[in-house]
């Protein structure tokens, strides 16, 4: 699993409700992690929740929730071994 995928899944797994969100840019496009979250959604690690307006003109957020499969991926992930150690 790529490190950025593990980072995003770990963040969702540690959240109280198991959710991760990403804020839309002021130019109305999404940061790079949005595409990464969509890939994790297609793989079954995350479930799309929807979009939500942020508090007090805080912008728009896309929200996903980690699935049981996503939690299993985080739990079974092994860090890469460093040769010569």
PDB file of N, CA and C in Angstrom:
ATOM      1  N   UNK A   1       0.856  -1.162   0.000  1.00  0.00           N
ATOM      2  CA  UNK A   1       0.000   0.000   0.000  1.00  0.00           C
ATOM      3  C   UNK A   1       0.909   1.234   0.000  1.00  0.00           C
ATOM      4  N   UNK A   2       0.682   2.165  -0.911  1.00  0.00           N
ATOM      5  CA  UNK A   2       1.501   3.388  -0.950  1.00  0.00           C
ATOM      6  C   UNK A   2       1.397   4.157   0.363  1.00  0.00           C
ATOM      7  N   UNK A   3       2.439   4.874   0.699  1.00  0.00           N
ATOM      8  CA  UNK A   3       2.470   5.609   1.960  1.00  0.00           C
ATOM      9  C   UNK A   3       1.343   6.635   2.070  1.00  0.00           C
ATOM     10  N   UNK A   4       1.000   7.306   0.955  1.00  0.00           N
ATOM     11  CA  UNK A   4      -0.084   8.290   1.049  1.00  0.00           C
ATOM     12  C   UNK A   4      -1.413   7.604   1.360  1.00  0.00           C
ATOM     13  N   UNK A   5      -1.619   6.399   0.855  1.00  0.00           N
ATOM     14  CA  UNK A   5      -2.843   5.656   1.165  1.00  0.00           C
ATOM     15  C   UNK A   5      -2.875   5.263   2.631  1.00  0.00           C
ATOM     16  N   UNK A   6      -1.758   4.808   3.131  1.00  0.00           N
ATOM     17  CA  UNK A   6      -1.685   4.427   4.545  1.00  0.00           C
ATOM     18  C   UNK A   6      -1.909   5.647   5.427  1.00  0.00           C
ATOM     19  N   UNK A   7      -1.345   6.783   5.051  1.00  0.00           N
ATOM     20  CA  UNK A   7      -1.519   8.024   5.821  1.00  0.00           C
ATOM     21  C   UNK A   7      -2.991   8.401   5.902  1.00  0.00           C
ATOM     22  N   UNK A   8      -3.682   8.352   4.774  1.00  0.00           N
ATOM     23  CA  UNK A   8      -5.094   8.737   4.746  1.00  0.00           C
ATOM     24  C   UNK A   8      -5.966   7.741   5.508  1.00  0.00           C
ATOM     25  N   UNK A   9      -5.721   6.443   5.321  1.00  0.00           N
ATOM     26  CA  UNK A   9      -6.501   5.439   6.036  1.00  0.00           C
ATOM     27  C   UNK A   9      -6.235   5.496   7.534  1.00  0.00           C
ATOM     28  N   UNK A  10      -4.993   5.715   7.916  1.00  0.00           N
ATOM     29  CA  UNK A  10      -4.661   5.815   9.337  1.00  0.00           C
ATOM     30  C   UNK A  10      -5.356   7.011   9.972  1.00  0.00           C
ATOM     31  N   UNK A  11      -5.405   8.115   9.251  1.00  0.00           N
ATOM     32  CA  UNK A  11      -6.078   9.309   9.761  1.00  0.00           C
ATOM     33  C   UNK A  11      -7.565   9.017   9.981  1.00  0.00           C
ATOM     34  N   UNK A  12      -8.194   8.342   9.033  1.00  0.00           N
ATOM     35  CA  UNK A  12      -9.607   7.990   9.180  1.00  0.00           C
ATOM     36  C   UNK A  12      -9.806   7.002  10.332  1.00  0.00           C
ATOM     37  N   UNK A  13      -8.909   6.024  10.452  1.00  0.00           N
ATOM     38  CA  UNK A  13      -9.037   5.007  11.495  1.00  0.00           C
ATOM     39  C   UNK A  13      -8.919   5.608  12.890  1.00  0.00           C
ATOM     40  N   UNK A  14      -8.129   6.653  13.042  1.00  0.00           N
ATOM     41  CA  UNK A  14      -7.930   7.279  14.344  1.00  0.00           C
ATOM     42  C   UNK A  14      -9.028   8.270  14.715  1.00  0.00           C
ATOM     43  N   UNK A  15      -9.803   8.708  13.743  1.00  0.00           N
ATOM     44  CA  UNK A  15     -10.860   9.684  14.003  1.00  0.00           C
ATOM     45  C   UNK A  15     -11.981   9.043  14.819  1.00  0.00           C
ATOM     46  N   UNK A  16     -12.647   9.854  15.615  1.00  0.00           N
ATOM     47  CA  UNK A  16     -13.698   9.354  16.503  1.00  0.00           C
ATOM     48  C   UNK A  16     -14.787   8.608  15.733  1.00  0.00           C
ATOM     49  N   UNK A  17     -15.286   9.178  14.669  1.00  0.00           N
ATOM     50  CA  UNK A  17     -16.330   8.519  13.881  1.00  0.00           C
ATOM     51  C   UNK A  17     -15.770   7.747  12.695  1.00  0.00           C
ATOM     52  N   UNK A  18     -14.445   7.662  12.582  1.00  0.00           N
ATOM     53  CA  UNK A  18     -13.832   6.957  11.460  1.00  0.00           C
ATOM     54  C   UNK A  18     -13.955   7.707  10.155  1.00  0.00           C
ATOM     55  N   UNK A  19     -14.070   9.029  10.247  1.00  0.00           N
ATOM     56  CA  UNK A  19     -14.267   9.837   9.043  1.00  0.00           C
ATOM     57  C   UNK A  19     -13.040  10.677   8.720  1.00  0.00           C
ATOM     58  N   UNK A  20     -12.904  10.932   7.433  1.00  0.00           N
ATOM     59  CA  UNK A  20     -11.853  11.810   6.948  1.00  0.00           C
ATOM     60  C   UNK A  20     -12.504  12.771   5.950  1.00  0.00           C
ATOM     61  N   UNK A  21     -12.095  14.028   6.013  1.00  0.00           N
ATOM     62  CA  UNK A  21     -12.658  15.015   5.095  1.00  0.00           C
ATOM     63  C   UNK A  21     -11.529  15.827   4.476  1.00  0.00           C
ATOM     64  N   UNK A  22     -11.844  16.424   3.356  1.00  0.00           N
ATOM     65  CA  UNK A  22     -10.886  17.254   2.647  1.00  0.00           C
ATOM     66  C   UNK A  22     -11.620  18.492   2.153  1.00  0.00           C
ATOM     67  N   UNK A  23     -10.972  19.630   2.294  1.00  0.00           N
ATOM     68  CA  UNK A  23     -11.597  20.909   1.955  1.00  0.00           C
ATOM     69  C   UNK A  23     -11.330  21.275   0.498  1.00  0.00           C
ATOM     70  N   UNK A  24     -12.374  21.724  -0.161  1.00  0.00           N
ATOM     71  CA  UNK A  24     -12.260  22.180  -1.543  1.00  0.00           C
ATOM     72  C   UNK A  24     -11.518  23.515  -1.559  1.00  0.00           C
ATOM     73  N   UNK A  25     -10.645  23.682  -2.540  1.00  0.00           N
ATOM     74  CA  UNK A  25      -9.893  24.928  -2.680  1.00  0.00           C
ATOM     75  C   UNK A  25     -10.820  26.085  -3.038  1.00  0.00           C
ATOM     76  N   UNK A  26     -10.370  27.289  -2.791  1.00  0.00           N
ATOM     77  CA  UNK A  26     -11.175  28.472  -3.126  1.00  0.00           C
ATOM     78  C   UNK A  26     -11.396  28.594  -4.629  1.00  0.00           C
ATOM     79  N   UNK A  27     -10.566  27.942  -5.432  1.00  0.00           N
ATOM     80  CA  UNK A  27     -10.723  27.944  -6.890  1.00  0.00           C
ATOM     81  C   UNK A  27     -11.715  26.877  -7.351  1.00  0.00           C
ATOM     82  N   UNK A  28     -12.366  26.191  -6.395  1.00  0.00           N
ATOM     83  CA  UNK A  28     -13.387  25.164  -6.624  1.00  0.00           C
ATOM     84  C   UNK A  28     -12.817  23.831  -7.108  1.00  0.00           C
ATOM     85  N   UNK A  29     -11.498  23.678  -7.152  1.00  0.00           N
ATOM     86  CA  UNK A  29     -10.932  22.368  -7.468  1.00  0.00           C
ATOM     87  C   UNK A  29     -10.563  21.693  -6.146  1.00  0.00           C
ATOM     88  N   UNK A  30     -10.212  20.416  -6.239  1.00  0.00           N
ATOM     89  CA  UNK A  30      -9.908  19.638  -5.039  1.00  0.00           C
ATOM     90  C   UNK A  30      -8.410  19.404  -4.918  1.00  0.00           C
ATOM     91  N   UNK A  31      -7.890  19.349  -3.697  1.00  0.00           N
ATOM     92  CA  UNK A  31      -6.474  19.002  -3.503  1.00  0.00           C
ATOM     93  C   UNK A  31      -6.197  17.582  -4.004  1.00  0.00           C
ATOM     94  N   UNK A  32      -4.940  17.271  -4.181  1.00  0.00           N
ATOM     95  CA  UNK A  32      -4.520  15.974  -4.718  1.00  0.00           C
ATOM     96  C   UNK A  32      -5.040  14.795  -3.891  1.00  0.00           C
ATOM     97  N   UNK A  33      -5.153  14.968  -2.576  1.00  0.00           N
ATOM     98  CA  UNK A  33      -5.630  13.869  -1.735  1.00  0.00           C
ATOM     99  C   UNK A  33      -7.064  13.468  -2.069  1.00  0.00           C
ATOM    100  N   UNK A  34      -7.836  14.344  -2.681  1.00  0.00           N
ATOM    101  CA  UNK A  34      -9.218  13.992  -3.061  1.00  0.00           C
ATOM    102  C   UNK A  34      -9.207  12.800  -4.012  1.00  0.00           C
ATOM    103  N   UNK A  35      -8.346  12.832  -5.011  1.00  0.00           N
ATOM    104  CA  UNK A  35      -8.244  11.714  -5.960  1.00  0.00           C
ATOM    105  C   UNK A  35      -7.766  10.449  -5.254  1.00  0.00           C
ATOM    106  N   UNK A  36      -6.860  10.593  -4.313  1.00  0.00           N
ATOM    107  CA  UNK A  36      -6.363   9.433  -3.563  1.00  0.00           C
ATOM    108  C   UNK A  36      -7.472   8.824  -2.707  1.00  0.00           C
ATOM    109  N   UNK A  37      -8.300   9.673  -2.124  1.00  0.00           N
ATOM    110  CA  UNK A  37      -9.422   9.176  -1.339  1.00  0.00           C
ATOM    111  C   UNK A  37     -10.440   8.469  -2.221  1.00  0.00           C
ATOM    112  N   UNK A  38     -10.652   8.961  -3.419  1.00  0.00           N
ATOM    113  CA  UNK A  38     -11.570   8.306  -4.355  1.00  0.00           C
ATOM    114  C   UNK A  38     -11.057   6.916  -4.736  1.00  0.00           C
ATOM    115  N   UNK A  39      -9.742   6.778  -4.911  1.00  0.00           N
ATOM    116  CA  UNK A  39      -9.159   5.466  -5.214  1.00  0.00           C
ATOM    117  C   UNK A  39      -9.406   4.511  -4.050  1.00  0.00           C
ATOM    118  N   UNK A  40      -9.203   4.986  -2.831  1.00  0.00           N
ATOM    119  CA  UNK A  40      -9.452   4.147  -1.655  1.00  0.00           C
ATOM    120  C   UNK A  40     -10.931   3.775  -1.544  1.00  0.00           C
ATOM    121  N   UNK A  41     -11.791   4.674  -1.974  1.00  0.00           N
ATOM    122  CA  UNK A  41     -13.226   4.385  -2.009  1.00  0.00           C
ATOM    123  C   UNK A  41     -13.515   3.262  -3.005  1.00  0.00           C
ATOM    124  N   UNK A  42     -12.936   3.343  -4.196  1.00  0.00           N
ATOM    125  CA  UNK A  42     -13.156   2.304  -5.218  1.00  0.00           C
ATOM    126  C   UNK A  42     -12.614   0.951  -4.772  1.00  0.00           C
ATOM    127  N   UNK A  43     -11.577   0.955  -3.956  1.00  0.00           N
ATOM    128  CA  UNK A  43     -10.994  -0.301  -3.470  1.00  0.00           C
ATOM    129  C   UNK A  43     -11.757  -0.870  -2.274  1.00  0.00           C
ATOM    130  N   UNK A  44     -12.738  -0.118  -1.772  1.00  0.00           N
ATOM    131  CA  UNK A  44     -13.540  -0.608  -0.658  1.00  0.00           C
ATOM    132  C   UNK A  44     -13.018  -0.247   0.712  1.00  0.00           C
ATOM    133  N   UNK A  45     -11.972   0.550   0.793  1.00  0.00           N
ATOM    134  CA  UNK A  45     -11.406   0.926   2.086  1.00  0.00           C
ATOM    135  C   UNK A  45     -12.159   2.089   2.727  1.00  0.00           C
ATOM    136  N   UNK A  46     -12.821   2.887   1.912  1.00  0.00           N
ATOM    137  CA  UNK A  46     -13.598   4.018   2.399  1.00  0.00           C
ATOM    138  C   UNK A  46     -14.986   3.984   1.784  1.00  0.00           C
ATOM    139  N   UNK A  47     -15.937   4.611   2.473  1.00  0.00           N
ATOM    140  CA  UNK A  47     -17.301   4.747   1.967  1.00  0.00           C
ATOM    141  C   UNK A  47     -17.601   6.232   1.859  1.00  0.00           C
ATOM    142  N   UNK A  48     -18.113   6.657   0.701  1.00  0.00           N
ATOM    143  CA  UNK A  48     -18.458   8.054   0.462  1.00  0.00           C
ATOM    144  C   UNK A  48     -19.614   8.443   1.371  1.00  0.00           C
ATOM    145  N   UNK A  49     -19.467   9.552   2.084  1.00  0.00           N
ATOM    146  CA  UNK A  49     -20.530  10.062   2.944  1.00  0.00           C
ATOM    147  C   UNK A  49     -21.247  11.211   2.246  1.00  0.00           C
ATOM    148  N   UNK A  50     -20.483  12.132   1.638  1.00  0.00           N
ATOM    149  CA  UNK A  50     -21.077  13.255   0.926  1.00  0.00           C
ATOM    150  C   UNK A  50     -20.259  14.520   1.092  1.00  0.00           C
ATOM    151  N   UNK A  51     -20.852  15.626   0.680  1.00  0.00           N
ATOM    152  CA  UNK A  51     -20.200  16.915   0.857  1.00  0.00           C
ATOM    153  C   UNK A  51     -20.989  17.708   1.891  1.00  0.00           C
ATOM    154  N   UNK A  52     -20.276  18.618   2.539  1.00  0.00           N
ATOM    155  CA  UNK A  52     -20.896  19.413   3.593  1.00  0.00           C
ATOM    156  C   UNK A  52     -20.261  20.793   3.605  1.00  0.00           C
ATOM    157  N   UNK A  53     -21.087  21.807   3.810  1.00  0.00           N
ATOM    158  CA  UNK A  53     -20.571  23.162   3.947  1.00  0.00           C
ATOM    159  C   UNK A  53     -19.898  23.294   5.304  1.00  0.00           C
ATOM    160  N   UNK A  54     -18.737  23.962   5.300  1.00  0.00           N
ATOM    161  CA  UNK A  54     -18.016  24.171   6.539  1.00  0.00           C
ATOM    162  C   UNK A  54     -18.664  25.250   7.388  1.00  0.00           C
ATOM    163  N   UNK A  55     -18.285  25.313   8.648  1.00  0.00           N
ATOM    164  CA  UNK A  55     -18.854  26.325   9.534  1.00  0.00           C
ATOM    165  C   UNK A  55     -18.405  27.734   9.158  1.00  0.00           C
ATOM    166  N   UNK A  56     -19.227  28.684   9.407  1.00  0.00           N
ATOM    167  CA  UNK A  56     -18.977  30.121   9.174  1.00  0.00           C
ATOM    168  C   UNK A  56     -18.103  30.410   7.956  1.00  0.00           C
ATOM    169  N   UNK A  57     -18.675  30.176   6.791  1.00  0.00           N
ATOM    170  CA  UNK A  57     -17.997  30.415   5.504  1.00  0.00           C
ATOM    171  C   UNK A  57     -16.705  29.624   5.380  1.00  0.00           C
ATOM    172  N   UNK A  58     -16.728  28.413   5.891  1.00  0.00           N
ATOM    173  CA  UNK A  58     -15.523  27.592   5.903  1.00  0.00           C
ATOM    174  C   UNK A  58     -15.277  26.793   4.646  1.00  0.00           C
ATOM    175  N   UNK A  59     -16.079  26.955   3.615  1.00  0.00           N
ATOM    176  CA  UNK A  59     -15.866  26.218   2.377  1.00  0.00           C
ATOM    177  C   UNK A  59     -16.674  24.935   2.344  1.00  0.00           C
ATOM    178  N   UNK A  60     -16.342  24.089   1.375  1.00  0.00           N
ATOM    179  CA  UNK A  60     -17.032  22.814   1.175  1.00  0.00           C
ATOM    180  C   UNK A  60     -16.060  21.682   1.465  1.00  0.00           C
ATOM    181  N   UNK A  61     -16.562  20.672   2.167  1.00  0.00           N
ATOM    182  CA  UNK A  61     -15.749  19.521   2.527  1.00  0.00           C
ATOM    183  C   UNK A  61     -16.347  18.258   1.924  1.00  0.00           C
ATOM    184  N   UNK A  62     -15.493  17.384   1.386  1.00  0.00           N
ATOM    185  CA  UNK A  62     -15.886  16.052   0.941  1.00  0.00           C
ATOM    186  C   UNK A  62     -15.543  15.101   2.089  1.00  0.00           C
ATOM    187  N   UNK A  63     -16.464  14.177   2.385  1.00  0.00           N
ATOM    188  CA  UNK A  63     -16.309  13.337   3.571  1.00  0.00           C
ATOM    189  C   UNK A  63     -16.431  11.863   3.203  1.00  0.00           C
ATOM    190  N   UNK A  64     -15.529  11.052   3.756  1.00  0.00           N
ATOM    191  CA  UNK A  64     -15.555   9.598   3.626  1.00  0.00           C
ATOM    192  C   UNK A  64     -15.484   8.979   5.012  1.00  0.00           C
ATOM    193  N   UNK A  65     -15.939   7.727   5.105  1.00  0.00           N
ATOM    194  CA  UNK A  65     -15.831   6.978   6.350  1.00  0.00           C
ATOM    195  C   UNK A  65     -15.100   5.677   6.070  1.00  0.00           C
ATOM    196  N   UNK A  66     -14.230   5.308   6.979  1.00  0.00           N
ATOM    197  CA  UNK A  66     -13.458   4.081   6.793  1.00  0.00           C
ATOM    198  C   UNK A  66     -14.372   2.870   6.945  1.00  0.00           C
ATOM    199  N   UNK A  67     -14.127   1.852   6.152  1.00  0.00           N
ATOM    200  CA  UNK A  67     -14.892   0.601   6.214  1.00  0.00           C
ATOM    201  C   UNK A  67     -14.116  -0.421   7.042  1.00  0.00           C
ATOM    202  N   UNK A  68     -14.740  -1.547   7.328  1.00  0.00           N
ATOM    203  CA  UNK A  68     -14.039  -2.622   8.036  1.00  0.00           C
ATOM    204  C   UNK A  68     -12.832  -3.090   7.229  1.00  0.00           C
ATOM    205  N   UNK A  69     -13.003  -3.149   5.918  1.00  0.00           N
ATOM    206  CA  UNK A  69     -11.886  -3.546   5.056  1.00  0.00           C
ATOM    207  C   UNK A  69     -10.729  -2.550   5.173  1.00  0.00           C
ATOM    208  N   UNK A  70     -11.049  -1.268   5.230  1.00  0.00           N
ATOM    209  CA  UNK A  70     -10.020  -0.245   5.400  1.00  0.00           C
ATOM    210  C   UNK A  70      -9.293  -0.384   6.729  1.00  0.00           C
ATOM    211  N   UNK A  71     -10.042  -0.649   7.779  1.00  0.00           N
ATOM    212  CA  UNK A  71      -9.415  -0.857   9.101  1.00  0.00           C
ATOM    213  C   UNK A  71      -8.496  -2.073   9.076  1.00  0.00           C
ATOM    214  N   UNK A  72      -8.929  -3.143   8.389  1.00  0.00           N
ATOM    215  CA  UNK A  72      -8.084  -4.337   8.277  1.00  0.00           C
ATOM    216  C   UNK A  72      -6.797  -4.035   7.525  1.00  0.00           C
ATOM    217  N   UNK A  73      -6.894  -3.215   6.479  1.00  0.00           N
ATOM    218  CA  UNK A  73      -5.694  -2.860   5.717  1.00  0.00           C
ATOM    219  C   UNK A  73      -4.696  -2.099   6.582  1.00  0.00           C
ATOM    220  N   UNK A  74      -5.198  -1.194   7.405  1.00  0.00           N
ATOM    221  CA  UNK A  74      -4.312  -0.441   8.304  1.00  0.00           C
ATOM    222  C   UNK A  74      -3.685  -1.391   9.319  1.00  0.00           C
ATOM    223  N   UNK A  75      -4.489  -2.292   9.881  1.00  0.00           N
ATOM    224  CA  UNK A  75      -4.008  -3.202  10.921  1.00  0.00           C
ATOM    225  C   UNK A  75      -2.979  -4.187  10.402  1.00  0.00           C
ATOM    226  N   UNK A  76      -3.102  -4.600   9.143  1.00  0.00           N
ATOM    227  CA  UNK A  76      -2.192  -5.615   8.616  1.00  0.00           C
ATOM    228  C   UNK A  76      -1.019  -5.036   7.833  1.00  0.00           C
ATOM    229  N   UNK A  77      -0.969  -3.717   7.716  1.00  0.00           N
ATOM    230  CA  UNK A  77       0.118  -3.092   6.970  1.00  0.00           C
ATOM    231  C   UNK A  77       1.426  -3.298   7.704  1.00  0.00           C
ATOM    232  N   UNK A  78       2.427  -3.706   6.967  1.00  0.00           N
ATOM    233  CA  UNK A  78       3.755  -3.873   7.543  1.00  0.00           C
ATOM    234  C   UNK A  78       4.688  -2.854   6.914  1.00  0.00           C
ATOM    235  N   UNK A  79       5.468  -2.176   7.747  1.00  0.00           N
ATOM    236  CA  UNK A  79       6.383  -1.199   7.182  1.00  0.00           C
ATOM    237  C   UNK A  79       7.421  -1.868   6.298  1.00  0.00           C
ATOM    238  N   UNK A  80       7.914  -1.147   5.296  1.00  0.00           N
ATOM    239  CA  UNK A  80       8.923  -1.752   4.418  1.00  0.00           C
ATOM    240  C   UNK A  80      10.203  -2.054   5.193  1.00  0.00           C
ATOM    241  N   UNK A  81      10.841  -3.131   4.784  1.00  0.00           N
ATOM    242  CA  UNK A  81      12.108  -3.480   5.440  1.00  0.00           C
ATOM    243  C   UNK A  81      13.239  -2.741   4.743  1.00  0.00           C
ATOM    244  N   UNK A  82      14.209  -2.381   5.536  1.00  0.00           N
ATOM    245  CA  UNK A  82      15.387  -1.688   5.014  1.00  0.00           C
ATOM    246  C   UNK A  82      16.507  -2.714   4.894  1.00  0.00           C
ATOM    247  N   UNK A  83      16.990  -2.872   3.680  1.00  0.00           N
ATOM    248  CA  UNK A  83      18.042  -3.860   3.455  1.00  0.00           C
ATOM    249  C   UNK A  83      19.306  -3.466   4.208  1.00  0.00           C
ATOM    250  N   UNK A  84      19.952  -4.468   4.762  1.00  0.00           N
ATOM    251  CA  UNK A  84      21.200  -4.242   5.482  1.00  0.00           C
ATOM    252  C   UNK A  84      20.986  -3.962   6.956  1.00  0.00           C
ATOM    253  N   UNK A  85      19.736  -4.037   7.414  1.00  0.00           N
ATOM    254  CA  UNK A  85      19.470  -3.791   8.847  1.00  0.00           C
ATOM    255  C   UNK A  85      19.421  -5.086   9.598  1.00  0.00           C
TER     256      UNK A  85
END
